[in-house]
C-alpha cells in the first residue's frame, strides 16, 4: 500500500503522452506514475527514461530486462 494515494488518470491535464509511454513500454500505467501526477515535470522525465530503458530496439531483450527488474525488486523486498 502506498503512503500517497494515486490520483485518477487524467487528474492533471497534459500528461496523456507520458501515460501512453508507459502503456507502450510496460503495457500498463504503474501507480507510481499516477502518484507523480502531483509533480508533472518529474513524471514526464521519468516516462522518457522508462521509454529509453524499455525500448524494443535495445541490445538487451525486453524479457531479460523484465527478469532483471524482477530480481532487483525481490532483492529489495519489493512486491511490485
PDB file of N, CA and C in Angstrom:
ATOM      1  N   UNK A   1       0.842  -1.172   0.000  1.00  0.00           N
ATOM      2  CA  UNK A   1       0.000   0.000   0.000  1.00  0.00           C
ATOM      3  C   UNK A   1       0.894   1.244   0.000  1.00  0.00           C
ATOM      4  N   UNK A   2       0.566   2.175  -0.846  1.00  0.00           N
ATOM      5  CA  UNK A   2       1.370   3.385  -0.932  1.00  0.00           C
ATOM      6  C   UNK A   2       0.969   4.371   0.164  1.00  0.00           C
ATOM      7  N   UNK A   3       1.917   5.198   0.557  1.00  0.00           N
ATOM      8  CA  UNK A   3       1.638   6.227   1.558  1.00  0.00           C
ATOM      9  C   UNK A   3       0.851   7.379   0.957  1.00  0.00           C
ATOM     10  N   UNK A   4       1.045   7.605  -0.340  1.00  0.00           N
ATOM     11  CA  UNK A   4       0.332   8.652  -1.052  1.00  0.00           C
ATOM     12  C   UNK A   4      -0.583   7.972  -2.053  1.00  0.00           C
ATOM     13  N   UNK A   5      -1.840   8.286  -1.997  1.00  0.00           N
ATOM     14  CA  UNK A   5      -2.800   7.656  -2.895  1.00  0.00           C
ATOM     15  C   UNK A   5      -2.591   8.110  -4.339  1.00  0.00           C
ATOM     16  N   UNK A   6      -2.653   7.188  -5.287  1.00  0.00           N
ATOM     17  CA  UNK A   6      -2.582   7.564  -6.703  1.00  0.00           C
ATOM     18  C   UNK A   6      -3.796   8.413  -7.076  1.00  0.00           C
ATOM     19  N   UNK A   7      -3.569   9.389  -7.931  1.00  0.00           N
ATOM     20  CA  UNK A   7      -4.675  10.183  -8.459  1.00  0.00           C
ATOM     21  C   UNK A   7      -5.293   9.432  -9.629  1.00  0.00           C
ATOM     22  N   UNK A   8      -6.568   9.631  -9.878  1.00  0.00           N
ATOM     23  CA  UNK A   8      -7.159   9.008 -11.061  1.00  0.00           C
ATOM     24  C   UNK A   8      -6.458   9.520 -12.323  1.00  0.00           C
ATOM     25  N   UNK A   9      -6.276   8.635 -13.290  1.00  0.00           N
ATOM     26  CA  UNK A   9      -5.636   9.030 -14.535  1.00  0.00           C
ATOM     27  C   UNK A   9      -6.421  10.176 -15.160  1.00  0.00           C
ATOM     28  N   UNK A  10      -5.698  11.187 -15.611  1.00  0.00           N
ATOM     29  CA  UNK A  10      -6.345  12.342 -16.218  1.00  0.00           C
ATOM     30  C   UNK A  10      -6.642  13.462 -15.243  1.00  0.00           C
ATOM     31  N   UNK A  11      -6.244  13.297 -13.984  1.00  0.00           N
ATOM     32  CA  UNK A  11      -6.480  14.348 -12.997  1.00  0.00           C
ATOM     33  C   UNK A  11      -5.722  15.624 -13.329  1.00  0.00           C
ATOM     34  N   UNK A  12      -4.574  15.471 -13.961  1.00  0.00           N
ATOM     35  CA  UNK A  12      -3.758  16.620 -14.331  1.00  0.00           C
ATOM     36  C   UNK A  12      -3.674  16.652 -15.856  1.00  0.00           C
ATOM     37  N   UNK A  13      -4.165  17.721 -16.481  1.00  0.00           N
ATOM     38  CA  UNK A  13      -4.129  17.793 -17.945  1.00  0.00           C
ATOM     39  C   UNK A  13      -2.701  17.860 -18.483  1.00  0.00           C
ATOM     40  N   UNK A  14      -2.523  17.342 -19.691  1.00  0.00           N
ATOM     41  CA  UNK A  14      -1.233  17.436 -20.369  1.00  0.00           C
ATOM     42  C   UNK A  14      -0.280  16.280 -20.123  1.00  0.00           C
ATOM     43  N   UNK A  15      -0.743  15.240 -19.444  1.00  0.00           N
ATOM     44  CA  UNK A  15       0.145  14.113 -19.155  1.00  0.00           C
ATOM     45  C   UNK A  15      -0.186  12.866 -19.972  1.00  0.00           C
ATOM     46  N   UNK A  16      -1.091  13.003 -20.923  1.00  0.00           N
ATOM     47  CA  UNK A  16      -1.528  11.850 -21.711  1.00  0.00           C
ATOM     48  C   UNK A  16      -0.355  11.168 -22.417  1.00  0.00           C
ATOM     49  N   UNK A  17       0.573  11.970 -22.973  1.00  0.00           N
ATOM     50  CA  UNK A  17       1.723  11.391 -23.683  1.00  0.00           C
ATOM     51  C   UNK A  17       2.595  10.570 -22.728  1.00  0.00           C
ATOM     52  N   UNK A  18       2.762  11.046 -21.519  1.00  0.00           N
ATOM     53  CA  UNK A  18       3.560  10.307 -20.535  1.00  0.00           C
ATOM     54  C   UNK A  18       2.905   8.973 -20.200  1.00  0.00           C
ATOM     55  N   UNK A  19       1.584   8.979 -20.016  1.00  0.00           N
ATOM     56  CA  UNK A  19       0.884   7.727 -19.717  1.00  0.00           C
ATOM     57  C   UNK A  19       0.965   6.767 -20.898  1.00  0.00           C
ATOM     58  N   UNK A  20       0.892   7.308 -22.100  1.00  0.00           N
ATOM     59  CA  UNK A  20       0.985   6.472 -23.294  1.00  0.00           C
ATOM     60  C   UNK A  20       2.371   5.829 -23.394  1.00  0.00           C
ATOM     61  N   UNK A  21       3.407   6.547 -23.000  1.00  0.00           N
ATOM     62  CA  UNK A  21       4.763   5.969 -22.995  1.00  0.00           C
ATOM     63  C   UNK A  21       4.819   4.748 -22.093  1.00  0.00           C
ATOM     64  N   UNK A  22       4.202   4.848 -20.914  1.00  0.00           N
ATOM     65  CA  UNK A  22       4.172   3.704 -20.000  1.00  0.00           C
ATOM     66  C   UNK A  22       3.388   2.548 -20.609  1.00  0.00           C
ATOM     67  N   UNK A  23       2.251   2.846 -21.215  1.00  0.00           N
ATOM     68  CA  UNK A  23       1.449   1.782 -21.833  1.00  0.00           C
ATOM     69  C   UNK A  23       2.235   1.058 -22.913  1.00  0.00           C
ATOM     70  N   UNK A  24       2.965   1.826 -23.731  1.00  0.00           N
ATOM     71  CA  UNK A  24       3.730   1.213 -24.820  1.00  0.00           C
ATOM     72  C   UNK A  24       4.899   0.394 -24.297  1.00  0.00           C
ATOM     73  N   UNK A  25       5.598   0.895 -23.302  1.00  0.00           N
ATOM     74  CA  UNK A  25       6.797   0.208 -22.844  1.00  0.00           C
ATOM     75  C   UNK A  25       6.509  -0.891 -21.825  1.00  0.00           C
ATOM     76  N   UNK A  26       5.551  -0.681 -20.925  1.00  0.00           N
ATOM     77  CA  UNK A  26       5.286  -1.660 -19.869  1.00  0.00           C
ATOM     78  C   UNK A  26       3.985  -2.435 -20.076  1.00  0.00           C
ATOM     79  N   UNK A  27       3.086  -1.861 -20.868  1.00  0.00           N
ATOM     80  CA  UNK A  27       1.791  -2.498 -21.053  1.00  0.00           C
ATOM     81  C   UNK A  27       0.749  -2.012 -20.056  1.00  0.00           C
ATOM     82  N   UNK A  28       1.120  -1.138 -19.158  1.00  0.00           N
ATOM     83  CA  UNK A  28       0.205  -0.599 -18.155  1.00  0.00           C
ATOM     84  C   UNK A  28       0.787   0.703 -17.607  1.00  0.00           C
ATOM     85  N   UNK A  29      -0.005   1.434 -16.868  1.00  0.00           N
ATOM     86  CA  UNK A  29       0.464   2.659 -16.203  1.00  0.00           C
ATOM     87  C   UNK A  29       0.625   2.325 -14.724  1.00  0.00           C
ATOM     88  N   UNK A  30       1.857   2.347 -14.208  1.00  0.00           N
ATOM     89  CA  UNK A  30       2.073   1.995 -12.806  1.00  0.00           C
ATOM     90  C   UNK A  30       1.509   3.053 -11.852  1.00  0.00           C
ATOM     91  N   UNK A  31       1.188   2.606 -10.639  1.00  0.00           N
ATOM     92  CA  UNK A  31       0.682   3.532  -9.629  1.00  0.00           C
ATOM     93  C   UNK A  31       1.669   4.659  -9.351  1.00  0.00           C
ATOM     94  N   UNK A  32       2.951   4.378  -9.453  1.00  0.00           N
ATOM     95  CA  UNK A  32       3.944   5.431  -9.210  1.00  0.00           C
ATOM     96  C   UNK A  32       3.741   6.601 -10.164  1.00  0.00           C
ATOM     97  N   UNK A  33       3.359   6.319 -11.402  1.00  0.00           N
ATOM     98  CA  UNK A  33       3.091   7.387 -12.370  1.00  0.00           C
ATOM     99  C   UNK A  33       1.835   8.157 -11.988  1.00  0.00           C
ATOM    100  N   UNK A  34       0.844   7.451 -11.482  1.00  0.00           N
ATOM    101  CA  UNK A  34      -0.388   8.116 -11.063  1.00  0.00           C
ATOM    102  C   UNK A  34      -0.144   9.002  -9.842  1.00  0.00           C
ATOM    103  N   UNK A  35       0.753   8.587  -8.983  1.00  0.00           N
ATOM    104  CA  UNK A  35       1.127   9.406  -7.825  1.00  0.00           C
ATOM    105  C   UNK A  35       1.922  10.626  -8.283  1.00  0.00           C
ATOM    106  N   UNK A  36       2.821  10.425  -9.238  1.00  0.00           N
ATOM    107  CA  UNK A  36       3.681  11.513  -9.708  1.00  0.00           C
ATOM    108  C   UNK A  36       2.949  12.580 -10.518  1.00  0.00           C
ATOM    109  N   UNK A  37       1.661  12.390 -10.768  1.00  0.00           N
ATOM    110  CA  UNK A  37       0.904  13.457 -11.431  1.00  0.00           C
ATOM    111  C   UNK A  37       0.993  14.750 -10.636  1.00  0.00           C
ATOM    112  N   UNK A  38       1.262  14.616  -9.341  1.00  0.00           N
ATOM    113  CA  UNK A  38       1.384  15.804  -8.488  1.00  0.00           C
ATOM    114  C   UNK A  38       2.602  16.636  -8.870  1.00  0.00           C
ATOM    115  N   UNK A  39       3.574  16.036  -9.528  1.00  0.00           N
ATOM    116  CA  UNK A  39       4.795  16.710  -9.989  1.00  0.00           C
ATOM    117  C   UNK A  39       4.966  16.398 -11.472  1.00  0.00           C
ATOM    118  N   UNK A  40       4.220  17.072 -12.339  1.00  0.00           N
ATOM    119  CA  UNK A  40       4.207  16.738 -13.771  1.00  0.00           C
ATOM    120  C   UNK A  40       5.582  16.713 -14.434  1.00  0.00           C
ATOM    121  N   UNK A  41       6.479  17.614 -14.079  1.00  0.00           N
ATOM    122  CA  UNK A  41       7.805  17.634 -14.717  1.00  0.00           C
ATOM    123  C   UNK A  41       8.571  16.353 -14.402  1.00  0.00           C
ATOM    124  N   UNK A  42       8.445  15.870 -13.182  1.00  0.00           N
ATOM    125  CA  UNK A  42       9.124  14.624 -12.805  1.00  0.00           C
ATOM    126  C   UNK A  42       8.500  13.447 -13.538  1.00  0.00           C
ATOM    127  N   UNK A  43       7.182  13.418 -13.622  1.00  0.00           N
ATOM    128  CA  UNK A  43       6.509  12.328 -14.332  1.00  0.00           C
ATOM    129  C   UNK A  43       6.936  12.283 -15.798  1.00  0.00           C
ATOM    130  N   UNK A  44       6.988  13.438 -16.443  1.00  0.00           N
ATOM    131  CA  UNK A  44       7.380  13.481 -17.857  1.00  0.00           C
ATOM    132  C   UNK A  44       8.811  12.984 -18.043  1.00  0.00           C
ATOM    133  N   UNK A  45       9.720  13.404 -17.174  1.00  0.00           N
ATOM    134  CA  UNK A  45      11.112  12.974 -17.280  1.00  0.00           C
ATOM    135  C   UNK A  45      11.246  11.476 -17.033  1.00  0.00           C
ATOM    136  N   UNK A  46      10.544  10.967 -16.032  1.00  0.00           N
ATOM    137  CA  UNK A  46      10.611   9.539 -15.719  1.00  0.00           C
ATOM    138  C   UNK A  46      10.000   8.692 -16.836  1.00  0.00           C
ATOM    139  N   UNK A  47       8.950   9.195 -17.465  1.00  0.00           N
ATOM    140  CA  UNK A  47       8.336   8.473 -18.593  1.00  0.00           C
ATOM    141  C   UNK A  47       9.315   8.391 -19.760  1.00  0.00           C
ATOM    142  N   UNK A  48      10.052   9.462 -20.003  1.00  0.00           N
ATOM    143  CA  UNK A  48      11.065   9.428 -21.075  1.00  0.00           C
ATOM    144  C   UNK A  48      12.167   8.424 -20.738  1.00  0.00           C
ATOM    145  N   UNK A  49      12.613   8.424 -19.488  1.00  0.00           N
ATOM    146  CA  UNK A  49      13.647   7.481 -19.064  1.00  0.00           C
ATOM    147  C   UNK A  49      13.150   6.043 -19.216  1.00  0.00           C
ATOM    148  N   UNK A  50      11.922   5.802 -18.787  1.00  0.00           N
ATOM    149  CA  UNK A  50      11.348   4.460 -18.902  1.00  0.00           C
ATOM    150  C   UNK A  50      11.278   4.013 -20.357  1.00  0.00           C
ATOM    151  N   UNK A  51      10.883   4.923 -21.236  1.00  0.00           N
ATOM    152  CA  UNK A  51      10.829   4.595 -22.670  1.00  0.00           C
ATOM    153  C   UNK A  51      12.199   4.212 -23.205  1.00  0.00           C
ATOM    154  N   UNK A  52      13.217   4.934 -22.772  1.00  0.00           N
ATOM    155  CA  UNK A  52      14.579   4.639 -23.230  1.00  0.00           C
ATOM    156  C   UNK A  52      15.048   3.281 -22.710  1.00  0.00           C
ATOM    157  N   UNK A  53      14.741   2.983 -21.471  1.00  0.00           N
ATOM    158  CA  UNK A  53      15.165   1.713 -20.877  1.00  0.00           C
ATOM    159  C   UNK A  53      14.468   0.537 -21.553  1.00  0.00           C
ATOM    160  N   UNK A  54      13.168   0.654 -21.792  1.00  0.00           N
ATOM    161  CA  UNK A  54      12.377  -0.455 -22.320  1.00  0.00           C
ATOM    162  C   UNK A  54      12.261  -0.452 -23.831  1.00  0.00           C
ATOM    163  N   UNK A  55      13.041   0.371 -24.503  1.00  0.00           N
ATOM    164  CA  UNK A  55      12.965   0.446 -25.970  1.00  0.00           C
ATOM    165  C   UNK A  55      13.201  -0.929 -26.597  1.00  0.00           C
ATOM    166  N   UNK A  56      12.353  -1.310 -27.532  1.00  0.00           N
ATOM    167  CA  UNK A  56      12.479  -2.643 -28.132  1.00  0.00           C
ATOM    168  C   UNK A  56      13.699  -2.798 -29.037  1.00  0.00           C
ATOM    169  N   UNK A  57      14.313  -1.704 -29.458  1.00  0.00           N
ATOM    170  CA  UNK A  57      15.478  -1.794 -30.336  1.00  0.00           C
ATOM    171  C   UNK A  57      16.794  -1.879 -29.556  1.00  0.00           C
ATOM    172  N   UNK A  58      16.707  -2.141 -28.287  1.00  0.00           N
ATOM    173  CA  UNK A  58      17.887  -2.254 -27.426  1.00  0.00           C
ATOM    174  C   UNK A  58      18.652  -3.545 -27.729  1.00  0.00           C
ATOM    175  N   UNK A  59      19.910  -3.579 -27.337  1.00  0.00           N
ATOM    176  CA  UNK A  59      20.716  -4.795 -27.497  1.00  0.00           C
ATOM    177  C   UNK A  59      20.315  -5.867 -26.481  1.00  0.00           C
ATOM    178  N   UNK A  60      19.657  -5.459 -25.414  1.00  0.00           N
ATOM    179  CA  UNK A  60      19.205  -6.384 -24.369  1.00  0.00           C
ATOM    180  C   UNK A  60      17.717  -6.636 -24.571  1.00  0.00           C
ATOM    181  N   UNK A  61      17.314  -7.890 -24.554  1.00  0.00           N
ATOM    182  CA  UNK A  61      15.908  -8.222 -24.803  1.00  0.00           C
ATOM    183  C   UNK A  61      15.010  -7.710 -23.678  1.00  0.00           C
ATOM    184  N   UNK A  62      13.762  -7.431 -24.032  1.00  0.00           N
ATOM    185  CA  UNK A  62      12.788  -6.962 -23.051  1.00  0.00           C
ATOM    186  C   UNK A  62      12.572  -8.019 -21.968  1.00  0.00           C
ATOM    187  N   UNK A  63      12.544  -9.285 -22.363  1.00  0.00           N
ATOM    188  CA  UNK A  63      12.367 -10.360 -21.392  1.00  0.00           C
ATOM    189  C   UNK A  63      13.470 -10.384 -20.360  1.00  0.00           C
ATOM    190  N   UNK A  64      14.709 -10.188 -20.802  1.00  0.00           N
ATOM    191  CA  UNK A  64      15.833 -10.178 -19.866  1.00  0.00           C
ATOM    192  C   UNK A  64      15.746  -8.948 -18.962  1.00  0.00           C
ATOM    193  N   UNK A  65      15.335  -7.816 -19.507  1.00  0.00           N
ATOM    194  CA  UNK A  65      15.167  -6.611 -18.689  1.00  0.00           C
ATOM    195  C   UNK A  65      14.104  -6.832 -17.620  1.00  0.00           C
ATOM    196  N   UNK A  66      13.015  -7.499 -18.000  1.00  0.00           N
ATOM    197  CA  UNK A  66      11.960  -7.790 -17.014  1.00  0.00           C
ATOM    198  C   UNK A  66      12.478  -8.720 -15.916  1.00  0.00           C
ATOM    199  N   UNK A  67      13.297  -9.684 -16.298  1.00  0.00           N
ATOM    200  CA  UNK A  67      13.880 -10.588 -15.308  1.00  0.00           C
ATOM    201  C   UNK A  67      14.785  -9.815 -14.344  1.00  0.00           C
ATOM    202  N   UNK A  68      15.599  -8.922 -14.868  1.00  0.00           N
ATOM    203  CA  UNK A  68      16.477  -8.097 -14.032  1.00  0.00           C
ATOM    204  C   UNK A  68      15.642  -7.232 -13.089  1.00  0.00           C
ATOM    205  N   UNK A  69      14.589  -6.625 -13.611  1.00  0.00           N
ATOM    206  CA  UNK A  69      13.719  -5.785 -12.780  1.00  0.00           C
ATOM    207  C   UNK A  69      13.078  -6.607 -11.668  1.00  0.00           C
ATOM    208  N   UNK A  70      12.626  -7.812 -11.998  1.00  0.00           N
ATOM    209  CA  UNK A  70      12.006  -8.680 -11.001  1.00  0.00           C
ATOM    210  C   UNK A  70      13.006  -9.072  -9.920  1.00  0.00           C
ATOM    211  N   UNK A  71      14.213  -9.449 -10.329  1.00  0.00           N
ATOM    212  CA  UNK A  71      15.250  -9.841  -9.375  1.00  0.00           C
ATOM    213  C   UNK A  71      15.634  -8.668  -8.463  1.00  0.00           C
ATOM    214  N   UNK A  72      15.750  -7.478  -9.039  1.00  0.00           N
ATOM    215  CA  UNK A  72      16.084  -6.294  -8.236  1.00  0.00           C
ATOM    216  C   UNK A  72      14.969  -6.010  -7.230  1.00  0.00           C
ATOM    217  N   UNK A  73      13.733  -6.133  -7.665  1.00  0.00           N
ATOM    218  CA  UNK A  73      12.594  -5.901  -6.756  1.00  0.00           C
ATOM    219  C   UNK A  73      12.617  -6.918  -5.611  1.00  0.00           C
ATOM    220  N   UNK A  74      12.796  -8.179  -5.953  1.00  0.00           N
ATOM    221  CA  UNK A  74      12.838  -9.226  -4.923  1.00  0.00           C
ATOM    222  C   UNK A  74      13.989  -9.017  -3.955  1.00  0.00           C
ATOM    223  N   UNK A  75      15.147  -8.634  -4.471  1.00  0.00           N
ATOM    224  CA  UNK A  75      16.330  -8.424  -3.621  1.00  0.00           C
ATOM    225  C   UNK A  75      16.104  -7.304  -2.615  1.00  0.00           C
ATOM    226  N   UNK A  76      15.239  -6.352  -2.963  1.00  0.00           N
ATOM    227  CA  UNK A  76      14.985  -5.212  -2.088  1.00  0.00           C
ATOM    228  C   UNK A  76      13.671  -5.349  -1.334  1.00  0.00           C
ATOM    229  N   UNK A  77      13.040  -6.526  -1.424  1.00  0.00           N
ATOM    230  CA  UNK A  77      11.816  -6.770  -0.683  1.00  0.00           C
ATOM    231  C   UNK A  77      10.588  -6.075  -1.241  1.00  0.00           C
ATOM    232  N   UNK A  78      10.652  -5.682  -2.506  1.00  0.00           N
ATOM    233  CA  UNK A  78       9.512  -5.003  -3.137  1.00  0.00           C
ATOM    234  C   UNK A  78       8.622  -6.037  -3.801  1.00  0.00           C
ATOM    235  N   UNK A  79       7.336  -5.975  -3.534  1.00  0.00           N
ATOM    236  CA  UNK A  79       6.399  -6.904  -4.154  1.00  0.00           C
ATOM    237  C   UNK A  79       5.797  -6.351  -5.429  1.00  0.00           C
ATOM    238  N   UNK A  80       6.254  -5.163  -5.849  1.00  0.00           N
ATOM    239  CA  UNK A  80       5.712  -4.503  -7.032  1.00  0.00           C
ATOM    240  C   UNK A  80       6.427  -5.041  -8.228  1.00  0.00           C
TER     241      UNK A  80
END
